[in-house]
N, C-alpha and C. Protein backbone atom coordinates (compact mmCIF):
# COMPACT_ATOMS: atom_id res chain seq x y z
N MET A 1 -60.24 7.34 -77.65
CA MET A 1 -59.62 8.65 -77.81
C MET A 1 -60.58 9.56 -78.58
N ARG A 2 -60.80 10.73 -78.06
CA ARG A 2 -61.71 11.69 -78.68
C ARG A 2 -61.11 12.29 -79.94
N ASN A 3 -62.01 12.70 -80.85
CA ASN A 3 -61.54 13.43 -82.01
C ASN A 3 -61.86 14.92 -81.82
N VAL A 4 -61.37 15.73 -82.72
CA VAL A 4 -61.53 17.18 -82.62
C VAL A 4 -63.00 17.58 -82.62
N ASN A 5 -63.80 16.93 -83.44
CA ASN A 5 -65.23 17.26 -83.49
C ASN A 5 -65.89 17.07 -82.12
N GLN A 6 -65.55 16.00 -81.41
CA GLN A 6 -66.10 15.75 -80.08
C GLN A 6 -65.62 16.81 -79.08
N ILE A 7 -64.38 17.25 -79.22
CA ILE A 7 -63.85 18.29 -78.32
C ILE A 7 -64.56 19.61 -78.57
N LEU A 8 -64.75 19.96 -79.84
CA LEU A 8 -65.44 21.22 -80.17
C LEU A 8 -66.88 21.22 -79.69
N ALA A 9 -67.52 20.05 -79.69
CA ALA A 9 -68.92 19.95 -79.26
C ALA A 9 -69.09 20.33 -77.79
N HIS A 10 -68.05 20.14 -76.99
CA HIS A 10 -68.12 20.44 -75.55
C HIS A 10 -67.47 21.77 -75.19
N LYS A 11 -67.04 22.50 -76.19
CA LYS A 11 -66.33 23.75 -75.96
C LYS A 11 -67.28 24.93 -76.09
N ALA A 12 -67.24 25.80 -75.11
CA ALA A 12 -68.09 27.00 -75.15
C ALA A 12 -67.31 28.16 -75.75
N GLY A 13 -68.03 29.17 -76.17
CA GLY A 13 -67.38 30.37 -76.69
C GLY A 13 -67.41 30.43 -78.20
N ARG A 14 -67.23 31.64 -78.68
CA ARG A 14 -67.26 31.82 -80.12
C ARG A 14 -65.85 31.99 -80.65
N LEU A 15 -65.71 31.81 -81.94
CA LEU A 15 -64.44 31.96 -82.61
C LEU A 15 -64.13 33.45 -82.79
N VAL A 16 -62.94 33.87 -82.42
CA VAL A 16 -62.55 35.26 -82.55
C VAL A 16 -61.64 35.41 -83.76
N THR A 17 -62.05 36.25 -84.70
CA THR A 17 -61.28 36.47 -85.93
C THR A 17 -61.10 37.97 -86.17
N VAL A 18 -60.09 38.29 -86.97
CA VAL A 18 -59.86 39.67 -87.40
C VAL A 18 -59.46 39.66 -88.87
N PRO A 19 -59.72 40.78 -89.57
CA PRO A 19 -59.21 40.89 -90.94
C PRO A 19 -57.70 41.13 -90.90
N LYS A 20 -57.01 40.77 -91.98
CA LYS A 20 -55.55 40.90 -91.98
C LYS A 20 -55.07 42.34 -91.88
N GLU A 21 -55.94 43.30 -92.15
CA GLU A 21 -55.57 44.72 -92.06
C GLU A 21 -55.69 45.27 -90.64
N ALA A 22 -56.28 44.51 -89.73
CA ALA A 22 -56.51 45.00 -88.36
C ALA A 22 -55.19 45.36 -87.69
N PRO A 23 -55.17 46.46 -86.92
CA PRO A 23 -53.95 46.80 -86.19
C PRO A 23 -53.71 45.81 -85.05
N VAL A 24 -52.46 45.57 -84.76
CA VAL A 24 -52.09 44.63 -83.70
C VAL A 24 -52.73 45.03 -82.37
N LEU A 25 -52.85 46.31 -82.10
CA LEU A 25 -53.46 46.76 -80.85
C LEU A 25 -54.88 46.22 -80.70
N GLU A 26 -55.65 46.20 -81.79
CA GLU A 26 -57.01 45.64 -81.75
C GLU A 26 -56.96 44.15 -81.43
N VAL A 27 -56.00 43.45 -82.00
CA VAL A 27 -55.84 42.02 -81.77
C VAL A 27 -55.55 41.75 -80.30
N ILE A 28 -54.64 42.51 -79.72
CA ILE A 28 -54.29 42.34 -78.31
C ILE A 28 -55.48 42.65 -77.41
N ARG A 29 -56.25 43.68 -77.76
CA ARG A 29 -57.46 44.01 -76.99
C ARG A 29 -58.47 42.86 -77.03
N LEU A 30 -58.64 42.26 -78.21
CA LEU A 30 -59.57 41.13 -78.33
C LEU A 30 -59.10 39.94 -77.49
N MET A 31 -57.81 39.66 -77.52
CA MET A 31 -57.28 38.55 -76.71
C MET A 31 -57.55 38.79 -75.23
N ALA A 32 -57.32 40.01 -74.78
CA ALA A 32 -57.55 40.34 -73.37
C ALA A 32 -59.03 40.26 -73.03
N GLU A 33 -59.87 40.81 -73.89
CA GLU A 33 -61.31 40.85 -73.65
C GLU A 33 -61.91 39.44 -73.57
N HIS A 34 -61.43 38.55 -74.41
CA HIS A 34 -61.99 37.19 -74.48
C HIS A 34 -61.17 36.16 -73.69
N HIS A 35 -60.09 36.61 -73.04
CA HIS A 35 -59.23 35.72 -72.25
C HIS A 35 -58.71 34.56 -73.10
N ILE A 36 -58.15 34.90 -74.26
CA ILE A 36 -57.63 33.90 -75.18
C ILE A 36 -56.20 34.24 -75.56
N GLY A 37 -55.49 33.28 -76.12
CA GLY A 37 -54.09 33.48 -76.48
C GLY A 37 -53.83 33.61 -77.96
N SER A 38 -54.91 33.55 -78.79
CA SER A 38 -54.71 33.69 -80.23
C SER A 38 -56.00 34.13 -80.90
N VAL A 39 -55.85 34.72 -82.08
CA VAL A 39 -56.99 35.04 -82.92
C VAL A 39 -56.67 34.60 -84.34
N LEU A 40 -57.70 34.23 -85.06
CA LEU A 40 -57.52 33.82 -86.45
C LEU A 40 -57.58 35.05 -87.34
N VAL A 41 -56.70 35.09 -88.32
CA VAL A 41 -56.63 36.21 -89.24
C VAL A 41 -57.25 35.76 -90.56
N MET A 42 -58.24 36.52 -91.00
CA MET A 42 -59.03 36.13 -92.16
C MET A 42 -58.92 37.16 -93.28
N GLN A 43 -59.08 36.67 -94.50
CA GLN A 43 -59.29 37.52 -95.66
C GLN A 43 -60.60 37.05 -96.25
N GLY A 44 -61.68 37.74 -95.90
CA GLY A 44 -63.01 37.25 -96.24
C GLY A 44 -63.28 36.00 -95.45
N ALA A 45 -63.64 34.91 -96.12
CA ALA A 45 -63.90 33.62 -95.45
C ALA A 45 -62.67 32.73 -95.40
N GLU A 46 -61.54 33.22 -95.94
CA GLU A 46 -60.32 32.41 -96.02
C GLU A 46 -59.39 32.67 -94.83
N LEU A 47 -58.94 31.59 -94.20
CA LEU A 47 -57.97 31.69 -93.12
C LEU A 47 -56.59 31.96 -93.74
N VAL A 48 -55.98 33.08 -93.34
CA VAL A 48 -54.67 33.42 -93.91
C VAL A 48 -53.56 33.44 -92.85
N GLY A 49 -53.93 33.39 -91.58
CA GLY A 49 -52.90 33.40 -90.55
C GLY A 49 -53.51 33.24 -89.17
N ILE A 50 -52.61 33.15 -88.19
CA ILE A 50 -53.01 33.13 -86.79
C ILE A 50 -52.06 34.06 -86.05
N ALA A 51 -52.61 34.87 -85.17
CA ALA A 51 -51.80 35.78 -84.36
C ALA A 51 -51.90 35.35 -82.91
N THR A 52 -50.76 35.19 -82.27
CA THR A 52 -50.71 34.71 -80.90
C THR A 52 -49.98 35.71 -80.00
N GLU A 53 -50.11 35.49 -78.70
CA GLU A 53 -49.38 36.31 -77.74
C GLU A 53 -47.88 36.20 -78.01
N ARG A 54 -47.43 35.04 -78.39
CA ARG A 54 -46.02 34.81 -78.69
C ARG A 54 -45.60 35.66 -79.90
N ASP A 55 -46.45 35.71 -80.94
CA ASP A 55 -46.15 36.55 -82.11
C ASP A 55 -46.00 38.01 -81.68
N TYR A 56 -46.91 38.45 -80.81
CA TYR A 56 -46.87 39.83 -80.34
C TYR A 56 -45.56 40.11 -79.59
N ALA A 57 -45.22 39.24 -78.69
CA ALA A 57 -44.01 39.45 -77.89
C ALA A 57 -42.75 39.47 -78.76
N ARG A 58 -42.66 38.57 -79.70
CA ARG A 58 -41.45 38.44 -80.50
C ARG A 58 -41.37 39.39 -81.69
N LYS A 59 -42.52 39.74 -82.26
CA LYS A 59 -42.50 40.50 -83.51
C LYS A 59 -42.94 41.95 -83.36
N VAL A 60 -43.46 42.31 -82.21
CA VAL A 60 -43.83 43.71 -81.97
C VAL A 60 -42.97 44.27 -80.85
N ILE A 61 -43.12 43.72 -79.67
CA ILE A 61 -42.41 44.23 -78.49
C ILE A 61 -40.89 44.20 -78.71
N LEU A 62 -40.34 43.04 -79.03
CA LEU A 62 -38.89 42.91 -79.14
C LEU A 62 -38.32 43.64 -80.35
N GLN A 63 -39.14 43.92 -81.34
CA GLN A 63 -38.64 44.62 -82.53
C GLN A 63 -38.98 46.11 -82.50
N GLY A 64 -39.59 46.57 -81.41
CA GLY A 64 -39.88 47.98 -81.25
C GLY A 64 -40.92 48.54 -82.20
N ARG A 65 -41.83 47.70 -82.68
CA ARG A 65 -42.89 48.16 -83.58
C ARG A 65 -44.02 48.81 -82.78
N SER A 66 -44.82 49.60 -83.48
CA SER A 66 -45.99 50.23 -82.87
C SER A 66 -47.19 49.31 -82.99
N SER A 67 -47.82 48.99 -81.86
CA SER A 67 -49.02 48.13 -81.86
C SER A 67 -50.18 48.79 -82.58
N ALA A 68 -50.25 50.10 -82.51
CA ALA A 68 -51.37 50.82 -83.13
C ALA A 68 -51.21 50.95 -84.64
N GLU A 69 -49.98 50.95 -85.11
CA GLU A 69 -49.73 51.18 -86.54
C GLU A 69 -49.39 49.92 -87.33
N THR A 70 -49.03 48.84 -86.67
CA THR A 70 -48.63 47.62 -87.37
C THR A 70 -49.85 46.76 -87.66
N PRO A 71 -50.08 46.42 -88.94
CA PRO A 71 -51.19 45.51 -89.25
C PRO A 71 -50.84 44.08 -88.81
N VAL A 72 -51.85 43.35 -88.39
CA VAL A 72 -51.64 41.99 -87.91
C VAL A 72 -51.00 41.11 -88.98
N SER A 73 -51.22 41.42 -90.25
CA SER A 73 -50.63 40.62 -91.33
C SER A 73 -49.11 40.61 -91.28
N GLN A 74 -48.50 41.62 -90.65
CA GLN A 74 -47.04 41.69 -90.56
C GLN A 74 -46.46 40.84 -89.44
N ILE A 75 -47.30 40.41 -88.51
CA ILE A 75 -46.77 39.62 -87.39
C ILE A 75 -47.37 38.23 -87.29
N MET A 76 -48.45 37.96 -88.03
CA MET A 76 -49.14 36.68 -87.91
C MET A 76 -48.26 35.52 -88.37
N SER A 77 -48.58 34.34 -87.89
CA SER A 77 -47.91 33.12 -88.35
C SER A 77 -48.68 32.61 -89.55
N SER A 78 -47.95 32.35 -90.62
CA SER A 78 -48.56 31.88 -91.86
C SER A 78 -47.50 31.15 -92.67
N PRO A 79 -47.81 30.06 -93.32
CA PRO A 79 -49.12 29.42 -93.42
C PRO A 79 -49.52 28.79 -92.08
N VAL A 80 -50.81 28.61 -91.91
CA VAL A 80 -51.35 28.11 -90.65
C VAL A 80 -51.39 26.58 -90.68
N ILE A 81 -50.96 25.99 -89.58
CA ILE A 81 -51.07 24.54 -89.41
C ILE A 81 -52.48 24.28 -88.91
N THR A 82 -53.22 23.43 -89.60
CA THR A 82 -54.61 23.18 -89.26
C THR A 82 -54.86 21.69 -89.07
N VAL A 83 -56.03 21.39 -88.51
CA VAL A 83 -56.48 20.01 -88.36
C VAL A 83 -57.91 19.90 -88.87
N SER A 84 -58.36 18.68 -89.01
CA SER A 84 -59.75 18.45 -89.44
C SER A 84 -60.55 17.94 -88.24
N PRO A 85 -61.88 18.00 -88.33
CA PRO A 85 -62.71 17.53 -87.22
C PRO A 85 -62.50 16.05 -86.87
N SER A 86 -62.02 15.27 -87.82
CA SER A 86 -61.84 13.83 -87.56
C SER A 86 -60.49 13.49 -86.93
N ASP A 87 -59.57 14.44 -86.86
CA ASP A 87 -58.27 14.16 -86.23
C ASP A 87 -58.45 13.90 -84.74
N THR A 88 -57.61 13.03 -84.20
CA THR A 88 -57.71 12.69 -82.78
C THR A 88 -56.96 13.69 -81.92
N ALA A 89 -57.30 13.71 -80.65
CA ALA A 89 -56.61 14.57 -79.69
C ALA A 89 -55.13 14.20 -79.66
N GLN A 90 -54.83 12.93 -79.75
CA GLN A 90 -53.44 12.47 -79.73
C GLN A 90 -52.67 13.01 -80.94
N THR A 91 -53.28 12.99 -82.11
CA THR A 91 -52.65 13.52 -83.32
C THR A 91 -52.37 15.02 -83.16
N CYS A 92 -53.35 15.73 -82.63
CA CYS A 92 -53.20 17.17 -82.42
C CYS A 92 -52.09 17.48 -81.43
N MET A 93 -52.04 16.73 -80.35
CA MET A 93 -51.00 16.96 -79.34
C MET A 93 -49.62 16.70 -79.92
N ALA A 94 -49.49 15.68 -80.75
CA ALA A 94 -48.20 15.39 -81.39
C ALA A 94 -47.80 16.53 -82.32
N MET A 95 -48.76 17.07 -83.08
CA MET A 95 -48.47 18.20 -83.97
C MET A 95 -48.01 19.41 -83.17
N MET A 96 -48.71 19.70 -82.08
CA MET A 96 -48.37 20.85 -81.26
C MET A 96 -46.98 20.69 -80.65
N THR A 97 -46.68 19.51 -80.20
CA THR A 97 -45.37 19.25 -79.60
C THR A 97 -44.26 19.38 -80.64
N ASP A 98 -44.46 18.76 -81.79
CA ASP A 98 -43.44 18.79 -82.85
C ASP A 98 -43.18 20.20 -83.35
N ARG A 99 -44.23 21.00 -83.47
CA ARG A 99 -44.11 22.33 -84.07
C ARG A 99 -44.05 23.46 -83.05
N ARG A 100 -44.14 23.09 -81.76
CA ARG A 100 -44.07 24.06 -80.66
C ARG A 100 -45.11 25.16 -80.80
N ILE A 101 -46.36 24.71 -80.98
CA ILE A 101 -47.49 25.64 -81.08
C ILE A 101 -48.53 25.26 -80.03
N ARG A 102 -49.46 26.16 -79.75
CA ARG A 102 -50.46 25.94 -78.71
C ARG A 102 -51.89 25.99 -79.21
N HIS A 103 -52.09 26.35 -80.48
CA HIS A 103 -53.43 26.51 -81.03
C HIS A 103 -53.49 25.92 -82.44
N LEU A 104 -54.58 25.21 -82.72
CA LEU A 104 -54.79 24.62 -84.04
C LEU A 104 -56.18 24.98 -84.55
N PRO A 105 -56.25 25.76 -85.63
CA PRO A 105 -57.55 25.99 -86.26
C PRO A 105 -58.07 24.69 -86.86
N VAL A 106 -59.38 24.54 -86.84
CA VAL A 106 -60.03 23.34 -87.37
C VAL A 106 -60.74 23.73 -88.67
N LEU A 107 -60.37 23.06 -89.76
CA LEU A 107 -60.98 23.31 -91.06
C LEU A 107 -61.78 22.10 -91.49
N ASP A 108 -62.98 22.35 -92.00
CA ASP A 108 -63.82 21.30 -92.58
C ASP A 108 -64.15 21.73 -94.00
N GLU A 109 -63.60 21.01 -94.95
CA GLU A 109 -63.77 21.34 -96.37
C GLU A 109 -63.35 22.78 -96.66
N GLY A 110 -62.24 23.20 -96.07
CA GLY A 110 -61.68 24.52 -96.32
C GLY A 110 -62.30 25.64 -95.52
N ARG A 111 -63.31 25.35 -94.72
CA ARG A 111 -64.01 26.36 -93.92
C ARG A 111 -63.62 26.22 -92.45
N VAL A 112 -63.33 27.36 -91.81
CA VAL A 112 -62.98 27.35 -90.39
C VAL A 112 -64.21 27.00 -89.57
N VAL A 113 -64.09 25.95 -88.74
CA VAL A 113 -65.22 25.54 -87.90
C VAL A 113 -64.90 25.60 -86.41
N GLY A 114 -63.65 25.91 -86.08
CA GLY A 114 -63.29 25.99 -84.68
C GLY A 114 -61.80 26.15 -84.48
N LEU A 115 -61.42 26.09 -83.21
CA LEU A 115 -60.02 26.22 -82.81
C LEU A 115 -59.84 25.38 -81.56
N VAL A 116 -58.80 24.56 -81.53
CA VAL A 116 -58.49 23.81 -80.31
C VAL A 116 -57.15 24.28 -79.77
N SER A 117 -57.10 24.38 -78.46
CA SER A 117 -55.87 24.79 -77.78
C SER A 117 -55.28 23.58 -77.07
N ILE A 118 -54.06 23.72 -76.64
CA ILE A 118 -53.41 22.64 -75.88
C ILE A 118 -54.23 22.35 -74.62
N GLY A 119 -54.81 23.38 -74.02
CA GLY A 119 -55.65 23.17 -72.83
C GLY A 119 -56.88 22.34 -73.13
N ASP A 120 -57.51 22.58 -74.28
CA ASP A 120 -58.68 21.78 -74.68
C ASP A 120 -58.29 20.31 -74.82
N LEU A 121 -57.14 20.08 -75.42
CA LEU A 121 -56.70 18.70 -75.65
C LEU A 121 -56.33 18.00 -74.35
N VAL A 122 -55.65 18.70 -73.48
CA VAL A 122 -55.27 18.10 -72.18
C VAL A 122 -56.53 17.73 -71.40
N LYS A 123 -57.53 18.63 -71.39
CA LYS A 123 -58.80 18.33 -70.70
C LYS A 123 -59.45 17.08 -71.27
N ALA A 124 -59.46 16.96 -72.59
CA ALA A 124 -60.08 15.80 -73.24
C ALA A 124 -59.35 14.51 -72.89
N VAL A 125 -58.03 14.54 -72.90
CA VAL A 125 -57.25 13.35 -72.58
C VAL A 125 -57.47 12.96 -71.12
N ILE A 126 -57.48 13.92 -70.22
CA ILE A 126 -57.70 13.62 -68.79
C ILE A 126 -59.09 13.01 -68.60
N GLU A 127 -60.10 13.55 -69.26
CA GLU A 127 -61.45 13.01 -69.15
C GLU A 127 -61.52 11.58 -69.70
N ASP A 128 -60.87 11.33 -70.83
CA ASP A 128 -60.83 9.98 -71.40
C ASP A 128 -60.16 9.01 -70.42
N GLN A 129 -59.07 9.44 -69.79
CA GLN A 129 -58.37 8.58 -68.84
C GLN A 129 -59.23 8.33 -67.60
N ARG A 130 -59.96 9.34 -67.14
CA ARG A 130 -60.85 9.17 -65.99
C ARG A 130 -61.91 8.12 -66.28
N ILE A 131 -62.51 8.20 -67.47
CA ILE A 131 -63.54 7.24 -67.86
C ILE A 131 -62.96 5.84 -67.95
N GLU A 132 -61.78 5.72 -68.53
CA GLU A 132 -61.14 4.41 -68.66
C GLU A 132 -60.83 3.81 -67.29
N ILE A 133 -60.35 4.63 -66.36
CA ILE A 133 -60.05 4.16 -65.01
C ILE A 133 -61.33 3.68 -64.32
N GLU A 134 -62.42 4.45 -64.46
CA GLU A 134 -63.69 4.05 -63.87
C GLU A 134 -64.17 2.71 -64.44
N GLN A 135 -64.03 2.54 -65.75
CA GLN A 135 -64.45 1.29 -66.38
C GLN A 135 -63.60 0.12 -65.91
N LEU A 136 -62.31 0.33 -65.77
CA LEU A 136 -61.43 -0.73 -65.28
C LEU A 136 -61.74 -1.09 -63.83
N GLN A 137 -62.00 -0.07 -63.01
CA GLN A 137 -62.34 -0.32 -61.61
C GLN A 137 -63.66 -1.09 -61.50
N SER A 138 -64.61 -0.72 -62.35
CA SER A 138 -65.90 -1.42 -62.38
C SER A 138 -65.72 -2.87 -62.80
N TYR A 139 -64.89 -3.09 -63.79
CA TYR A 139 -64.63 -4.45 -64.29
C TYR A 139 -63.97 -5.30 -63.21
N ILE A 140 -62.99 -4.73 -62.52
CA ILE A 140 -62.27 -5.45 -61.47
C ILE A 140 -63.21 -5.78 -60.31
N ALA A 141 -64.09 -4.84 -59.97
CA ALA A 141 -64.99 -5.02 -58.83
C ALA A 141 -66.10 -6.02 -59.12
N SER A 142 -66.39 -6.30 -60.39
CA SER A 142 -67.51 -7.20 -60.69
C SER A 142 -67.08 -8.65 -60.81
């Protein structure tokens, strides 16, 4: 079973972050531009929240707030549920299932080093299963 560090090593793209004062409209533009479902909300180098499409739908759209005038700090999810690089894909998937979330920031000694999504984890598990099946087929054939 792969750990988070191994998943991040095969993941392309950069981490998208915003300051907590950023307007929600900027956050939504970044999500659209980068084809992502969440952004990390920072105060300097400190992770203070995560803003997701779900946060936008529930806390801006349904509450009639202005995307241009509402700071992301008012809609972000906080405190943030995080994982470490040594956590396994299975551990992450269990956390996501239990807490009904789709993104987990990765912290190493308090510093943000990445983000894993449910899609990243599913890909890793499928690849691990493919390798295991190939090894079993090879063993049976020999």
